[in-house]
């Protein structure tokens, strides 16, 4: 499957990030490891659903590439189009993280936590660790290495990124 964004070929204001969100205390809330494979729990299904839904809500400035739900979190490649970005930064300074990425992650975490806690019957319980990890991807080699990592994580979960919609909705998705 082809990616919807190509590093170096996208608009100059597009930046690609590897994003990693972890559950509270890295609890295996989203899936169970069964032998060599992972089965998503109802909470994991909610996470997959919310990830897709929040991406649609942010489609003007967020574009998803490969993403994976793990037993204790989510890993994804996310492209951020920041039209208001200034191209002048001080010597040695990197551009600030775009608000669109922070807004996207915050909206996702809030919506997923609310639904998960309703299912668990414990409103207000922590679901996610505070914040998230992100790495800006600046070269094609790193982008391909992370795509390989995410694909292998999907494989370990017993799913192929090219399988049916049922399988893709359980763990990961690559937008075409």
C-alpha atoms as a PDB file:
ATOM      1  CA  UNK A   1       0.000   0.000   0.000  1.00  0.00           C
ATOM      2  CA  UNK A   2       1.289   3.417  -0.836  1.00  0.00           C
ATOM      3  CA  UNK A   3       1.633   6.109   1.755  1.00  0.00           C
ATOM      4  CA  UNK A   4      -0.380   9.260   1.358  1.00  0.00           C
ATOM      5  CA  UNK A   5       2.627  11.350   2.207  1.00  0.00           C
ATOM      6  CA  UNK A   6       6.157  11.103   0.953  1.00  0.00           C
ATOM      7  CA  UNK A   7       8.931  12.688   2.953  1.00  0.00           C
ATOM      8  CA  UNK A   8      10.562  15.434   0.941  1.00  0.00           C
ATOM      9  CA  UNK A   9       7.769  15.477  -1.627  1.00  0.00           C
ATOM     10  CA  UNK A  10       5.085  16.961   0.599  1.00  0.00           C
ATOM     11  CA  UNK A  11       4.357  20.628   1.046  1.00  0.00           C
ATOM     12  CA  UNK A  12       7.187  22.500   2.802  1.00  0.00           C
ATOM     13  CA  UNK A  13       4.927  23.118   5.783  1.00  0.00           C
ATOM     14  CA  UNK A  14       4.262  19.383   6.317  1.00  0.00           C
ATOM     15  CA  UNK A  15       6.175  17.640   9.076  1.00  0.00           C
ATOM     16  CA  UNK A  16       6.061  13.908   9.823  1.00  0.00           C
ATOM     17  CA  UNK A  17       6.127  12.588  13.411  1.00  0.00           C
ATOM     18  CA  UNK A  18       6.444   9.188  15.022  1.00  0.00           C
ATOM     19  CA  UNK A  19       4.019   9.381  17.947  1.00  0.00           C
ATOM     20  CA  UNK A  20       3.888   6.959  20.892  1.00  0.00           C
ATOM     21  CA  UNK A  21       1.158   7.093  23.546  1.00  0.00           C
ATOM     22  CA  UNK A  22       1.238   4.814  26.581  1.00  0.00           C
ATOM     23  CA  UNK A  23      -1.521   3.659  28.893  1.00  0.00           C
ATOM     24  CA  UNK A  24      -1.506   4.670  32.563  1.00  0.00           C
ATOM     25  CA  UNK A  25       1.278   2.755  34.323  1.00  0.00           C
ATOM     26  CA  UNK A  26       1.842   0.954  30.988  1.00  0.00           C
ATOM     27  CA  UNK A  27      -1.049  -1.368  31.850  1.00  0.00           C
ATOM     28  CA  UNK A  28      -1.918  -3.889  29.120  1.00  0.00           C
ATOM     29  CA  UNK A  29      -5.404  -2.433  28.904  1.00  0.00           C
ATOM     30  CA  UNK A  30      -5.742  -2.517  25.114  1.00  0.00           C
ATOM     31  CA  UNK A  31      -4.803  -6.086  24.289  1.00  0.00           C
ATOM     32  CA  UNK A  32      -3.797  -9.490  25.565  1.00  0.00           C
ATOM     33  CA  UNK A  33      -0.782 -11.441  24.353  1.00  0.00           C
ATOM     34  CA  UNK A  34      -1.853 -14.961  23.389  1.00  0.00           C
ATOM     35  CA  UNK A  35       1.223 -16.955  22.422  1.00  0.00           C
ATOM     36  CA  UNK A  36       2.855 -15.085  19.558  1.00  0.00           C
ATOM     37  CA  UNK A  37      -0.180 -12.895  18.880  1.00  0.00           C
ATOM     38  CA  UNK A  38      -2.101 -10.086  20.516  1.00  0.00           C
ATOM     39  CA  UNK A  39      -5.881  -9.914  20.742  1.00  0.00           C
ATOM     40  CA  UNK A  40      -7.383  -6.461  21.224  1.00  0.00           C
ATOM     41  CA  UNK A  41      -9.685  -6.064  24.205  1.00  0.00           C
ATOM     42  CA  UNK A  42     -12.899  -4.023  23.973  1.00  0.00           C
ATOM     43  CA  UNK A  43     -10.794  -1.065  25.168  1.00  0.00           C
ATOM     44  CA  UNK A  44      -8.351  -1.705  22.316  1.00  0.00           C
ATOM     45  CA  UNK A  45     -11.227  -1.714  19.834  1.00  0.00           C
ATOM     46  CA  UNK A  46     -12.408   1.623  21.240  1.00  0.00           C
ATOM     47  CA  UNK A  47      -8.902   3.041  20.790  1.00  0.00           C
ATOM     48  CA  UNK A  48      -8.784   1.913  17.143  1.00  0.00           C
ATOM     49  CA  UNK A  49     -12.229   3.423  16.495  1.00  0.00           C
ATOM     50  CA  UNK A  50     -11.401   6.736  18.189  1.00  0.00           C
ATOM     51  CA  UNK A  51      -8.023   6.987  16.405  1.00  0.00           C
ATOM     52  CA  UNK A  52      -9.787   6.866  13.038  1.00  0.00           C
ATOM     53  CA  UNK A  53     -12.623   9.185  14.121  1.00  0.00           C
ATOM     54  CA  UNK A  54     -10.382  11.902  15.550  1.00  0.00           C
ATOM     55  CA  UNK A  55      -8.224  11.779  12.404  1.00  0.00           C
ATOM     56  CA  UNK A  56     -11.309  12.524  10.296  1.00  0.00           C
ATOM     57  CA  UNK A  57     -12.153  15.454  12.578  1.00  0.00           C
ATOM     58  CA  UNK A  58      -8.614  16.840  12.096  1.00  0.00           C
ATOM     59  CA  UNK A  59      -8.233  15.947   8.414  1.00  0.00           C
ATOM     60  CA  UNK A  60      -7.512  19.559   7.442  1.00  0.00           C
ATOM     61  CA  UNK A  61      -4.201  19.554   9.308  1.00  0.00           C
ATOM     62  CA  UNK A  62      -3.505  15.909  10.261  1.00  0.00           C
ATOM     63  CA  UNK A  63      -2.852  12.962   7.966  1.00  0.00           C
ATOM     64  CA  UNK A  64      -2.337   9.410   9.235  1.00  0.00           C
ATOM     65  CA  UNK A  65       0.080   6.948   7.743  1.00  0.00           C
ATOM     66  CA  UNK A  66       0.758   3.626   9.453  1.00  0.00           C
ATOM     67  CA  UNK A  67      -0.522   3.167  13.013  1.00  0.00           C
ATOM     68  CA  UNK A  68      -0.706   0.319  15.506  1.00  0.00           C
ATOM     69  CA  UNK A  69      -2.611  -0.374  18.725  1.00  0.00           C
ATOM     70  CA  UNK A  70      -0.442  -2.281  21.204  1.00  0.00           C
ATOM     71  CA  UNK A  71      -1.491  -3.862  24.517  1.00  0.00           C
ATOM     72  CA  UNK A  72      -0.172  -0.805  26.374  1.00  0.00           C
ATOM     73  CA  UNK A  73      -0.446   2.028  23.878  1.00  0.00           C
ATOM     74  CA  UNK A  74      -0.518   3.373  20.343  1.00  0.00           C
ATOM     75  CA  UNK A  75       2.302   4.016  17.872  1.00  0.00           C
ATOM     76  CA  UNK A  76       1.715   5.994  14.714  1.00  0.00           C
ATOM     77  CA  UNK A  77       3.199   8.000  11.894  1.00  0.00           C
ATOM     78  CA  UNK A  78       1.354  11.296  11.638  1.00  0.00           C
ATOM     79  CA  UNK A  79       1.878  14.094   9.111  1.00  0.00           C
ATOM     80  CA  UNK A  80       1.041  17.594  10.272  1.00  0.00           C
ATOM     81  CA  UNK A  81       0.284  20.342   7.769  1.00  0.00           C
ATOM     82  CA  UNK A  82       0.856  23.652   9.496  1.00  0.00           C
ATOM     83  CA  UNK A  83      -0.136  26.533   7.242  1.00  0.00           C
ATOM     84  CA  UNK A  84       0.575  29.162   9.901  1.00  0.00           C
ATOM     85  CA  UNK A  85       4.122  27.923  10.440  1.00  0.00           C
ATOM     86  CA  UNK A  86       6.890  30.486  10.205  1.00  0.00           C
ATOM     87  CA  UNK A  87       9.990  29.395   8.314  1.00  0.00           C
ATOM     88  CA  UNK A  88      12.410  31.627  10.250  1.00  0.00           C
ATOM     89  CA  UNK A  89      13.896  30.204  13.434  1.00  0.00           C
ATOM     90  CA  UNK A  90      16.929  31.298  15.368  1.00  0.00           C
ATOM     91  CA  UNK A  91      20.292  29.654  14.735  1.00  0.00           C
ATOM     92  CA  UNK A  92      20.327  26.177  16.237  1.00  0.00           C
ATOM     93  CA  UNK A  93      16.602  26.270  17.029  1.00  0.00           C
ATOM     94  CA  UNK A  94      14.216  23.657  15.787  1.00  0.00           C
ATOM     95  CA  UNK A  95      10.689  24.662  14.867  1.00  0.00           C
ATOM     96  CA  UNK A  96       8.134  24.363  17.654  1.00  0.00           C
ATOM     97  CA  UNK A  97       5.850  21.352  17.780  1.00  0.00           C
ATOM     98  CA  UNK A  98       2.685  22.252  15.875  1.00  0.00           C
ATOM     99  CA  UNK A  99      -0.444  22.821  17.942  1.00  0.00           C
ATOM    100  CA  UNK A 100      -2.371  20.573  15.561  1.00  0.00           C
ATOM    101  CA  UNK A 101      -0.421  17.535  16.777  1.00  0.00           C
ATOM    102  CA  UNK A 102      -0.957  18.335  20.449  1.00  0.00           C
ATOM    103  CA  UNK A 103      -4.633  19.061  19.814  1.00  0.00           C
ATOM    104  CA  UNK A 104      -5.047  15.830  17.864  1.00  0.00           C
ATOM    105  CA  UNK A 105      -3.447  13.714  20.612  1.00  0.00           C
ATOM    106  CA  UNK A 106      -5.338  15.475  23.423  1.00  0.00           C
ATOM    107  CA  UNK A 107      -8.683  15.047  21.643  1.00  0.00           C
ATOM    108  CA  UNK A 108      -7.988  11.397  20.946  1.00  0.00           C
ATOM    109  CA  UNK A 109      -6.917  10.621  24.502  1.00  0.00           C
ATOM    110  CA  UNK A 110      -9.943  12.385  26.016  1.00  0.00           C
ATOM    111  CA  UNK A 111     -12.476  10.703  23.716  1.00  0.00           C
ATOM    112  CA  UNK A 112     -10.930   7.239  24.071  1.00  0.00           C
ATOM    113  CA  UNK A 113     -10.611   7.523  27.866  1.00  0.00           C
ATOM    114  CA  UNK A 114     -14.235   8.587  28.247  1.00  0.00           C
ATOM    115  CA  UNK A 115     -15.520   5.633  26.200  1.00  0.00           C
ATOM    116  CA  UNK A 116     -13.158   3.133  27.841  1.00  0.00           C
ATOM    117  CA  UNK A 117     -14.157   4.256  31.319  1.00  0.00           C
ATOM    118  CA  UNK A 118     -17.857   4.019  30.459  1.00  0.00           C
ATOM    119  CA  UNK A 119     -17.322   0.395  29.377  1.00  0.00           C
ATOM    120  CA  UNK A 120     -15.258  -0.353  32.495  1.00  0.00           C
ATOM    121  CA  UNK A 121     -17.799   1.392  34.722  1.00  0.00           C
ATOM    122  CA  UNK A 122     -15.191   3.608  36.368  1.00  0.00           C
ATOM    123  CA  UNK A 123     -15.672   7.190  35.133  1.00  0.00           C
ATOM    124  CA  UNK A 124     -12.673   9.451  35.583  1.00  0.00           C
ATOM    125  CA  UNK A 125     -10.113   6.662  36.051  1.00  0.00           C
ATOM    126  CA  UNK A 126      -6.768   7.354  34.354  1.00  0.00           C
ATOM    127  CA  UNK A 127      -6.339   5.561  31.040  1.00  0.00           C
ATOM    128  CA  UNK A 128      -3.307   7.323  29.528  1.00  0.00           C
ATOM    129  CA  UNK A 129       0.051   8.505  30.778  1.00  0.00           C
ATOM    130  CA  UNK A 130       0.436  12.254  30.837  1.00  0.00           C
ATOM    131  CA  UNK A 131       1.812  13.626  27.597  1.00  0.00           C
ATOM    132  CA  UNK A 132       3.174  11.512  24.770  1.00  0.00           C
ATOM    133  CA  UNK A 133       6.432  10.795  22.991  1.00  0.00           C
ATOM    134  CA  UNK A 134       7.065  12.169  19.544  1.00  0.00           C
ATOM    135  CA  UNK A 135       9.969  12.222  17.149  1.00  0.00           C
ATOM    136  CA  UNK A 136      10.070  14.409  14.079  1.00  0.00           C
ATOM    137  CA  UNK A 137      11.093  12.372  11.040  1.00  0.00           C
ATOM    138  CA  UNK A 138      13.532  14.247   8.827  1.00  0.00           C
ATOM    139  CA  UNK A 139      14.809  11.586   6.445  1.00  0.00           C
ATOM    140  CA  UNK A 140      13.437   8.767   4.316  1.00  0.00           C
ATOM    141  CA  UNK A 141      15.628   6.103   5.988  1.00  0.00           C
ATOM    142  CA  UNK A 142      14.168   6.828   9.429  1.00  0.00           C
ATOM    143  CA  UNK A 143      10.639   6.941   8.006  1.00  0.00           C
ATOM    144  CA  UNK A 144      11.062   3.507   6.401  1.00  0.00           C
ATOM    145  CA  UNK A 145      12.635   2.078   9.583  1.00  0.00           C
ATOM    146  CA  UNK A 146       9.637   3.195  11.644  1.00  0.00           C
ATOM    147  CA  UNK A 147       7.197   1.889   9.027  1.00  0.00           C
ATOM    148  CA  UNK A 148       8.972  -1.483   9.266  1.00  0.00           C
ATOM    149  CA  UNK A 149       8.711  -1.374  13.079  1.00  0.00           C
ATOM    150  CA  UNK A 150       4.980  -0.657  12.944  1.00  0.00           C
ATOM    151  CA  UNK A 151       4.395  -3.347  10.315  1.00  0.00           C
ATOM    152  CA  UNK A 152       6.298  -5.935  12.362  1.00  0.00           C
ATOM    153  CA  UNK A 153       4.261  -5.011  15.453  1.00  0.00           C
ATOM    154  CA  UNK A 154       1.092  -5.600  13.447  1.00  0.00           C
ATOM    155  CA  UNK A 155       2.484  -8.950  12.286  1.00  0.00           C
ATOM    156  CA  UNK A 156       3.257  -9.991  15.885  1.00  0.00           C
ATOM    157  CA  UNK A 157      -0.345  -9.191  16.705  1.00  0.00           C
ATOM    158  CA  UNK A 158      -1.380 -11.741  14.103  1.00  0.00           C
ATOM    159  CA  UNK A 159      -2.592  -9.220  11.556  1.00  0.00           C
ATOM    160  CA  UNK A 160      -1.363  -8.142   8.174  1.00  0.00           C
ATOM    161  CA  UNK A 161      -1.617  -4.525   7.095  1.00  0.00           C
ATOM    162  CA  UNK A 162      -3.089  -5.870   3.821  1.00  0.00           C
ATOM    163  CA  UNK A 163      -5.793  -8.050   5.415  1.00  0.00           C
ATOM    164  CA  UNK A 164      -9.524  -7.486   5.523  1.00  0.00           C
ATOM    165  CA  UNK A 165     -11.143  -4.388   7.006  1.00  0.00           C
ATOM    166  CA  UNK A 166     -11.943  -6.426  10.144  1.00  0.00           C
ATOM    167  CA  UNK A 167      -8.278  -7.120  10.723  1.00  0.00           C
ATOM    168  CA  UNK A 168      -7.181  -3.595   9.863  1.00  0.00           C
ATOM    169  CA  UNK A 169      -9.741  -2.092  12.217  1.00  0.00           C
ATOM    170  CA  UNK A 170      -8.461  -4.276  15.027  1.00  0.00           C
ATOM    171  CA  UNK A 171      -4.927  -3.043  15.014  1.00  0.00           C
ATOM    172  CA  UNK A 172      -3.589  -0.760  12.377  1.00  0.00           C
ATOM    173  CA  UNK A 173      -4.273   1.122   9.234  1.00  0.00           C
ATOM    174  CA  UNK A 174      -2.339   2.697   6.437  1.00  0.00           C
ATOM    175  CA  UNK A 175      -4.239   5.332   4.535  1.00  0.00           C
ATOM    176  CA  UNK A 176      -4.037   5.097   0.744  1.00  0.00           C
END
